[in-house]
PDB file of all heavy atoms in Angstrom:
ATOM      1  N   VAL A   1      -8.720  -5.129   3.160  1.00  0.00           N
ATOM      2  CA  VAL A   1      -9.196  -3.894   2.528  1.00  0.00           C
ATOM      3  C   VAL A   1      -8.888  -3.911   1.028  1.00  0.00           C
ATOM      4  O   VAL A   1      -9.775  -3.715   0.185  1.00  0.00           O
ATOM      5  CB  VAL A   1      -8.568  -2.660   3.206  1.00  0.00           C
ATOM      6  CG1 VAL A   1      -8.862  -1.395   2.399  1.00  0.00           C
ATOM      7  CG2 VAL A   1      -9.104  -2.496   4.622  1.00  0.00           C
ATOM      8  N   ASN A   2      -7.632  -4.142   0.665  1.00  0.00           N
ATOM      9  CA  ASN A   2      -7.275  -4.172  -0.757  1.00  0.00           C
ATOM     10  C   ASN A   2      -7.872  -5.381  -1.465  1.00  0.00           C
ATOM     11  O   ASN A   2      -8.199  -5.317  -2.659  1.00  0.00           O
ATOM     12  CB  ASN A   2      -5.757  -4.160  -0.925  1.00  0.00           C
ATOM     13  CG  ASN A   2      -5.204  -2.736  -1.024  1.00  0.00           C
ATOM     14  OD1 ASN A   2      -5.938  -1.771  -0.896  1.00  0.00           O
ATOM     15  ND2 ASN A   2      -3.914  -2.626  -1.233  1.00  0.00           N
ATOM     16  N   ALA A   3      -8.018  -6.497  -0.743  1.00  0.00           N
ATOM     17  CA  ALA A   3      -8.636  -7.671  -1.346  1.00  0.00           C
ATOM     18  C   ALA A   3     -10.087  -7.374  -1.714  1.00  0.00           C
ATOM     19  O   ALA A   3     -10.575  -7.778  -2.778  1.00  0.00           O
ATOM     20  CB  ALA A   3      -8.561  -8.859  -0.390  1.00  0.00           C
ATOM     21  N   HIS A   4     -10.784  -6.637  -0.848  1.00  0.00           N
ATOM     22  CA  HIS A   4     -12.174  -6.272  -1.136  1.00  0.00           C
ATOM     23  C   HIS A   4     -12.238  -5.320  -2.331  1.00  0.00           C
ATOM     24  O   HIS A   4     -13.100  -5.466  -3.211  1.00  0.00           O
ATOM     25  CB  HIS A   4     -12.806  -5.621   0.095  1.00  0.00           C
ATOM     26  CG  HIS A   4     -14.253  -5.303  -0.070  1.00  0.00           C
ATOM     27  ND1 HIS A   4     -15.239  -6.273  -0.051  1.00  0.00           N
ATOM     28  CD2 HIS A   4     -14.903  -4.132  -0.290  1.00  0.00           C
ATOM     29  CE1 HIS A   4     -16.425  -5.714  -0.234  1.00  0.00           C
ATOM     30  NE2 HIS A   4     -16.243  -4.407  -0.382  1.00  0.00           N
ATOM     31  N   LEU A   5     -11.325  -4.358  -2.364  1.00  0.00           N
ATOM     32  CA  LEU A   5     -11.308  -3.417  -3.491  1.00  0.00           C
ATOM     33  C   LEU A   5     -11.047  -4.153  -4.795  1.00  0.00           C
ATOM     34  O   LEU A   5     -11.667  -3.838  -5.823  1.00  0.00           O
ATOM     35  CB  LEU A   5     -10.240  -2.350  -3.272  1.00  0.00           C
ATOM     36  CG  LEU A   5     -10.021  -1.403  -4.453  1.00  0.00           C
ATOM     37  CD1 LEU A   5     -11.287  -0.624  -4.777  1.00  0.00           C
ATOM     38  CD2 LEU A   5      -8.860  -0.451  -4.183  1.00  0.00           C
ATOM     39  N   ALA A   6     -10.150  -5.126  -4.772  1.00  0.00           N
ATOM     40  CA  ALA A   6      -9.857  -5.881  -5.989  1.00  0.00           C
ATOM     41  C   ALA A   6     -11.127  -6.519  -6.543  1.00  0.00           C
ATOM     42  O   ALA A   6     -11.359  -6.518  -7.758  1.00  0.00           O
ATOM     43  CB  ALA A   6      -8.800  -6.949  -5.708  1.00  0.00           C
ATOM     44  N   GLY A   7     -11.968  -7.046  -5.649  1.00  0.00           N
ATOM     45  CA  GLY A   7     -13.231  -7.633  -6.096  1.00  0.00           C
ATOM     46  C   GLY A   7     -14.147  -6.600  -6.726  1.00  0.00           C
ATOM     47  O   GLY A   7     -14.791  -6.865  -7.752  1.00  0.00           O
ATOM     48  N   LEU A   8     -14.210  -5.401  -6.149  1.00  0.00           N
ATOM     49  CA  LEU A   8     -15.046  -4.332  -6.706  1.00  0.00           C
ATOM     50  C   LEU A   8     -14.551  -3.923  -8.093  1.00  0.00           C
ATOM     51  O   LEU A   8     -15.347  -3.677  -9.008  1.00  0.00           O
ATOM     52  CB  LEU A   8     -15.041  -3.113  -5.782  1.00  0.00           C
ATOM     53  CG  LEU A   8     -15.662  -3.267  -4.388  1.00  0.00           C
ATOM     54  CD1 LEU A   8     -15.524  -1.963  -3.609  1.00  0.00           C
ATOM     55  CD2 LEU A   8     -17.129  -3.659  -4.480  1.00  0.00           C
ATOM     56  N   LEU A   9     -13.225  -3.825  -8.247  1.00  0.00           N
ATOM     57  CA  LEU A   9     -12.660  -3.403  -9.530  1.00  0.00           C
ATOM     58  C   LEU A   9     -12.813  -4.483 -10.596  1.00  0.00           C
ATOM     59  O   LEU A   9     -13.122  -4.192 -11.760  1.00  0.00           O
ATOM     60  CB  LEU A   9     -11.183  -3.038  -9.346  1.00  0.00           C
ATOM     61  CG  LEU A   9     -10.887  -1.842  -8.431  1.00  0.00           C
ATOM     62  CD1 LEU A   9      -9.379  -1.657  -8.288  1.00  0.00           C
ATOM     63  CD2 LEU A   9     -11.543  -0.570  -8.938  1.00  0.00           C
ATOM     64  N   GLU A  10     -12.582  -5.737 -10.210  1.00  0.00           N
ATOM     65  CA  GLU A  10     -12.706  -6.834 -11.173  1.00  0.00           C
ATOM     66  C   GLU A  10     -14.138  -6.952 -11.684  1.00  0.00           C
ATOM     67  O   GLU A  10     -14.362  -7.280 -12.859  1.00  0.00           O
ATOM     68  CB  GLU A  10     -12.253  -8.135 -10.525  1.00  0.00           C
ATOM     69  CG  GLU A  10     -10.741  -8.216 -10.339  1.00  0.00           C
ATOM     70  CD  GLU A  10     -10.319  -9.354  -9.445  1.00  0.00           C
ATOM     71  OE1 GLU A  10     -11.219 -10.019  -8.854  1.00  0.00           O
ATOM     72  OE2 GLU A  10      -9.103  -9.596  -9.309  1.00  0.00           O
ATOM     73  N   ALA A  11     -15.103  -6.668 -10.824  1.00  0.00           N
ATOM     74  CA  ALA A  11     -16.499  -6.718 -11.245  1.00  0.00           C
ATOM     75  C   ALA A  11     -16.807  -5.643 -12.282  1.00  0.00           C
ATOM     76  O   ALA A  11     -17.800  -5.736 -13.011  1.00  0.00           O
ATOM     77  CB  ALA A  11     -17.419  -6.551 -10.034  1.00  0.00           C
ATOM     78  N   ARG A  12     -15.946  -4.621 -12.370  1.00  0.00           N
ATOM     79  CA  ARG A  12     -16.097  -3.537 -13.353  1.00  0.00           C
ATOM     80  C   ARG A  12     -15.195  -3.742 -14.560  1.00  0.00           C
ATOM     81  O   ARG A  12     -15.041  -2.840 -15.378  1.00  0.00           O
ATOM     82  CB  ARG A  12     -15.777  -2.193 -12.699  1.00  0.00           C
ATOM     83  CG  ARG A  12     -16.610  -1.891 -11.466  1.00  0.00           C
ATOM     84  CD  ARG A  12     -18.005  -1.482 -11.820  1.00  0.00           C
ATOM     85  NE  ARG A  12     -18.832  -1.281 -10.631  1.00  0.00           N
ATOM     86  CZ  ARG A  12     -19.973  -0.611 -10.625  1.00  0.00           C
ATOM     87  NH1 ARG A  12     -20.415  -0.061 -11.746  1.00  0.00           N
ATOM     88  NH2 ARG A  12     -20.686  -0.486  -9.524  1.00  0.00           N
ATOM     89  N   GLY A  13     -14.575  -4.910 -14.639  1.00  0.00           N
ATOM     90  CA  GLY A  13     -13.729  -5.203 -15.795  1.00  0.00           C
ATOM     91  C   GLY A  13     -12.323  -4.677 -15.692  1.00  0.00           C
ATOM     92  O   GLY A  13     -11.583  -4.684 -16.686  1.00  0.00           O
ATOM     93  N   MET A  14     -11.903  -4.200 -14.521  1.00  0.00           N
ATOM     94  CA  MET A  14     -10.545  -3.699 -14.348  1.00  0.00           C
ATOM     95  C   MET A  14      -9.633  -4.844 -13.911  1.00  0.00           C
ATOM     96  O   MET A  14     -10.095  -5.878 -13.434  1.00  0.00           O
ATOM     97  CB  MET A  14     -10.521  -2.568 -13.321  1.00  0.00           C
ATOM     98  CG  MET A  14     -11.428  -1.408 -13.671  1.00  0.00           C
ATOM     99  SD  MET A  14     -11.311  -0.072 -12.456  1.00  0.00           S
ATOM    100  CE  MET A  14     -12.892   0.754 -12.728  1.00  0.00           C
ATOM    101  N   ALA A  15      -8.317  -4.645 -14.054  1.00  0.00           N
ATOM    102  CA  ALA A  15      -7.344  -5.684 -13.717  1.00  0.00           C
ATOM    103  C   ALA A  15      -6.372  -5.166 -12.657  1.00  0.00           C
ATOM    104  O   ALA A  15      -5.265  -4.719 -12.968  1.00  0.00           O
ATOM    105  CB  ALA A  15      -6.585  -6.121 -14.968  1.00  0.00           C
ATOM    106  N   PRO A  16      -6.766  -5.216 -11.378  1.00  0.00           N
ATOM    107  CA  PRO A  16      -5.887  -4.736 -10.311  1.00  0.00           C
ATOM    108  C   PRO A  16      -4.799  -5.742  -9.971  1.00  0.00           C
ATOM    109  O   PRO A  16      -4.984  -6.957 -10.108  1.00  0.00           O
ATOM    110  CB  PRO A  16      -6.842  -4.556  -9.132  1.00  0.00           C
ATOM    111  CG  PRO A  16      -7.907  -5.585  -9.368  1.00  0.00           C
ATOM    112  CD  PRO A  16      -8.069  -5.673 -10.862  1.00  0.00           C
ATOM    113  N   PHE A  17      -3.639  -5.239  -9.528  1.00  0.00           N
ATOM    114  CA  PHE A  17      -2.549  -6.116  -9.103  1.00  0.00           C
ATOM    115  C   PHE A  17      -1.677  -5.393  -8.092  1.00  0.00           C
ATOM    116  O   PHE A  17      -1.791  -4.180  -7.899  1.00  0.00           O
ATOM    117  CB  PHE A  17      -1.713  -6.559 -10.309  1.00  0.00           C
ATOM    118  CG  PHE A  17      -0.792  -5.492 -10.846  1.00  0.00           C
ATOM    119  CD1 PHE A  17       0.573  -5.524 -10.610  1.00  0.00           C
ATOM    120  CD2 PHE A  17      -1.302  -4.443 -11.621  1.00  0.00           C
ATOM    121  CE1 PHE A  17       1.413  -4.543 -11.111  1.00  0.00           C
ATOM    122  CE2 PHE A  17      -0.470  -3.457 -12.128  1.00  0.00           C
ATOM    123  CZ  PHE A  17       0.899  -3.508 -11.864  1.00  0.00           C
ATOM    124  N   VAL A  18      -0.843  -6.150  -7.404  1.00  0.00           N
ATOM    125  CA  VAL A  18       0.121  -5.573  -6.469  1.00  0.00           C
ATOM    126  C   VAL A  18       1.525  -5.914  -6.951  1.00  0.00           C
ATOM    127  O   VAL A  18       1.720  -6.865  -7.717  1.00  0.00           O
ATOM    128  CB  VAL A  18      -0.084  -6.098  -5.035  1.00  0.00           C
ATOM    129  CG1 VAL A  18      -1.427  -5.659  -4.488  1.00  0.00           C
ATOM    130  CG2 VAL A  18       0.055  -7.621  -4.975  1.00  0.00           C
ATOM    131  N   SER A  19       2.498  -5.138  -6.517  1.00  0.00           N
ATOM    132  CA  SER A  19       3.882  -5.338  -6.949  1.00  0.00           C
ATOM    133  C   SER A  19       4.777  -5.665  -5.757  1.00  0.00           C
ATOM    134  O   SER A  19       4.733  -4.971  -4.730  1.00  0.00           O
ATOM    135  CB  SER A  19       4.408  -4.082  -7.645  1.00  0.00           C
ATOM    136  OG  SER A  19       5.793  -4.211  -7.920  1.00  0.00           O
ATOM    137  N   ALA A  20       5.601  -6.693  -5.924  1.00  0.00           N
ATOM    138  CA  ALA A  20       6.556  -7.066  -4.880  1.00  0.00           C
ATOM    139  C   ALA A  20       7.653  -6.017  -4.735  1.00  0.00           C
ATOM    140  O   ALA A  20       8.378  -5.995  -3.735  1.00  0.00           O
ATOM    141  CB  ALA A  20       7.180  -8.421  -5.212  1.00  0.00           C
ATOM    142  N   ALA A  21       7.761  -5.119  -5.705  1.00  0.00           N
ATOM    143  CA  ALA A  21       8.805  -4.092  -5.656  1.00  0.00           C
ATOM    144  C   ALA A  21       8.408  -2.898  -4.786  1.00  0.00           C
ATOM    145  O   ALA A  21       9.237  -2.024  -4.526  1.00  0.00           O
ATOM    146  CB  ALA A  21       9.116  -3.599  -7.071  1.00  0.00           C
ATOM    147  N   GLU A  22       7.164  -2.864  -4.318  1.00  0.00           N
ATOM    148  CA  GLU A  22       6.694  -1.713  -3.530  1.00  0.00           C
ATOM    149  C   GLU A  22       7.464  -1.575  -2.228  1.00  0.00           C
ATOM    150  O   GLU A  22       7.621  -2.522  -1.469  1.00  0.00           O
ATOM    151  CB  GLU A  22       5.206  -1.862  -3.224  1.00  0.00           C
ATOM    152  CG  GLU A  22       4.645  -0.708  -2.386  1.00  0.00           C
ATOM    153  CD  GLU A  22       3.211  -0.959  -1.927  1.00  0.00           C
ATOM    154  OE1 GLU A  22       2.520  -1.792  -2.543  1.00  0.00           O
ATOM    155  OE2 GLU A  22       2.793  -0.310  -0.951  1.00  0.00           O
ATOM    156  N   GLN A  23       7.932  -0.350  -1.969  1.00  0.00           N
ATOM    157  CA  GLN A  23       8.578   0.010  -0.712  1.00  0.00           C
ATOM    158  C   GLN A  23       7.615   0.874   0.102  1.00  0.00           C
ATOM    159  O   GLN A  23       6.558   1.263  -0.369  1.00  0.00           O
ATOM    160  CB  GLN A  23       9.857   0.801  -0.988  1.00  0.00           C
ATOM    161  CG  GLN A  23      10.875   0.091  -1.866  1.00  0.00           C
ATOM    162  CD  GLN A  23      11.699  -0.903  -1.106  1.00  0.00           C
ATOM    163  OE1 GLN A  23      12.262  -0.605  -0.064  1.00  0.00           O
ATOM    164  NE2 GLN A  23      11.788  -2.119  -1.641  1.00  0.00           N
ATOM    165  N   CYS A  24       8.001   1.181   1.338  1.00  0.00           N
ATOM    166  CA  CYS A  24       7.257   2.161   2.126  1.00  0.00           C
ATOM    167  C   CYS A  24       7.153   3.461   1.330  1.00  0.00           C
ATOM    168  O   CYS A  24       8.067   3.809   0.579  1.00  0.00           O
ATOM    169  CB  CYS A  24       7.983   2.403   3.450  1.00  0.00           C
ATOM    170  SG  CYS A  24       7.341   3.786   4.420  1.00  0.00           S
ATOM    171  N   CYS A  25       6.050   4.182   1.478  1.00  0.00           N
ATOM    172  CA  CYS A  25       5.878   5.433   0.734  1.00  0.00           C
ATOM    173  C   CYS A  25       6.896   6.488   1.133  1.00  0.00           C
ATOM    174  O   CYS A  25       7.139   7.446   0.401  1.00  0.00           O
ATOM    175  CB  CYS A  25       4.464   5.972   0.927  1.00  0.00           C
ATOM    176  SG  CYS A  25       4.110   6.556   2.615  1.00  0.00           S
ATOM    177  N   GLY A  26       7.477   6.349   2.337  1.00  0.00           N
ATOM    178  CA  GLY A  26       8.464   7.315   2.806  1.00  0.00           C
ATOM    179  C   GLY A  26       7.923   8.327   3.782  1.00  0.00           C
ATOM    180  O   GLY A  26       8.671   9.133   4.334  1.00  0.00           O
ATOM    181  N   GLY A  27       6.603   8.299   4.009  1.00  0.00           N
ATOM    182  CA  GLY A  27       5.987   9.304   4.866  1.00  0.00           C
ATOM    183  C   GLY A  27       6.486   9.290   6.299  1.00  0.00           C
ATOM    184  O   GLY A  27       6.688  10.338   6.910  1.00  0.00           O
ATOM    185  N   LEU A  28       6.689   8.107   6.858  1.00  0.00           N
ATOM    186  CA  LEU A  28       7.119   7.999   8.251  1.00  0.00           C
ATOM    187  C   LEU A  28       8.467   8.666   8.457  1.00  0.00           C
ATOM    188  O   LEU A  28       8.660   9.451   9.393  1.00  0.00           O
ATOM    189  CB  LEU A  28       7.179   6.523   8.655  1.00  0.00           C
ATOM    190  CG  LEU A  28       7.249   6.221  10.155  1.00  0.00           C
ATOM    191  CD1 LEU A  28       5.980   6.701  10.853  1.00  0.00           C
ATOM    192  CD2 LEU A  28       7.434   4.727  10.399  1.00  0.00           C
ATOM    193  N   ALA A  29       9.422   8.377   7.585  1.00  0.00           N
ATOM    194  CA  ALA A  29      10.749   8.982   7.692  1.00  0.00           C
ATOM    195  C   ALA A  29      10.697  10.479   7.409  1.00  0.00           C
ATOM    196  O   ALA A  29      11.358  11.281   8.081  1.00  0.00           O
ATOM    197  CB  ALA A  29      11.718   8.297   6.735  1.00  0.00           C
ATOM    198  N   LEU A  30       9.900  10.880   6.412  1.00  0.00           N
ATOM    199  CA  LEU A  30       9.806  12.292   6.044  1.00  0.00           C
ATOM    200  C   LEU A  30       9.309  13.137   7.209  1.00  0.00           C
ATOM    201  O   LEU A  30       9.845  14.206   7.498  1.00  0.00           O
ATOM    202  CB  LEU A  30       8.867  12.446   4.845  1.00  0.00           C
ATOM    203  CG  LEU A  30       8.785  13.831   4.216  1.00  0.00           C
ATOM    204  CD1 LEU A  30      10.104  14.207   3.549  1.00  0.00           C
ATOM    205  CD2 LEU A  30       7.643  13.893   3.202  1.00  0.00           C
ATOM    206  N   HIS A  31       8.288  12.650   7.905  1.00  0.00           N
ATOM    207  CA  HIS A  31       7.713  13.416   9.007  1.00  0.00           C
ATOM    208  C   HIS A  31       8.556  13.355  10.272  1.00  0.00           C
ATOM    209  O   HIS A  31       8.299  14.083  11.226  1.00  0.00           O
ATOM    210  CB  HIS A  31       6.288  12.930   9.298  1.00  0.00           C
ATOM    211  CG  HIS A  31       5.361  13.172   8.164  1.00  0.00           C
ATOM    212  ND1 HIS A  31       4.265  12.383   7.903  1.00  0.00           N
ATOM    213  CD2 HIS A  31       5.364  14.115   7.182  1.00  0.00           C
ATOM    214  CE1 HIS A  31       3.637  12.824   6.834  1.00  0.00           C
ATOM    215  NE2 HIS A  31       4.291  13.872   6.373  1.00  0.00           N
ATOM    216  N   ALA A  32       9.555  12.462  10.280  1.00  0.00           N
ATOM    217  CA  ALA A  32      10.471  12.386  11.416  1.00  0.00           C
ATOM    218  C   ALA A  32      11.746  13.186  11.174  1.00  0.00           C
ATOM    219  O   ALA A  32      12.659  13.173  11.995  1.00  0.00           O
ATOM    220  CB  ALA A  32      10.831  10.932  11.706  1.00  0.00           C
ATOM    221  N   GLY A  33      11.806  13.874  10.031  1.00  0.00           N
ATOM    222  CA  GLY A  33      12.986  14.657   9.712  1.00  0.00           C
ATOM    223  C   GLY A  33      14.100  13.861   9.079  1.00  0.00           C
ATOM    224  O   GLY A  33      15.180  14.386   8.818  1.00  0.00           O
ATOM    225  N   ARG A  34      13.847  12.573   8.785  1.00  0.00           N
ATOM    226  CA  ARG A  34      14.852  11.723   8.142  1.00  0.00           C
ATOM    227  C   ARG A  34      14.700  11.828   6.622  1.00  0.00           C
ATOM    228  O   ARG A  34      14.299  10.874   5.950  1.00  0.00           O
ATOM    229  CB  ARG A  34      14.689  10.281   8.601  1.00  0.00           C
ATOM    230  CG  ARG A  34      14.667  10.095  10.113  1.00  0.00           C
ATOM    231  CD  ARG A  34      16.035  10.289  10.724  1.00  0.00           C
ATOM    232  NE  ARG A  34      16.026  10.086  12.161  1.00  0.00           N
ATOM    233  CZ  ARG A  34      16.167   8.917  12.771  1.00  0.00           C
ATOM    234  NH1 ARG A  34      16.290   7.812  12.042  1.00  0.00           N
ATOM    235  NH2 ARG A  34      16.180   8.828  14.079  1.00  0.00           N
TER     236      ARG A  34
END
């Protein structure tokens, strides 16, 4: 999914990237009361 989006953005001259520092957004724990 993100690989396909990267192609769409690059075709528009944008420079998409991913970060190794990304953690879980926290939603799973938040909705579990943690």
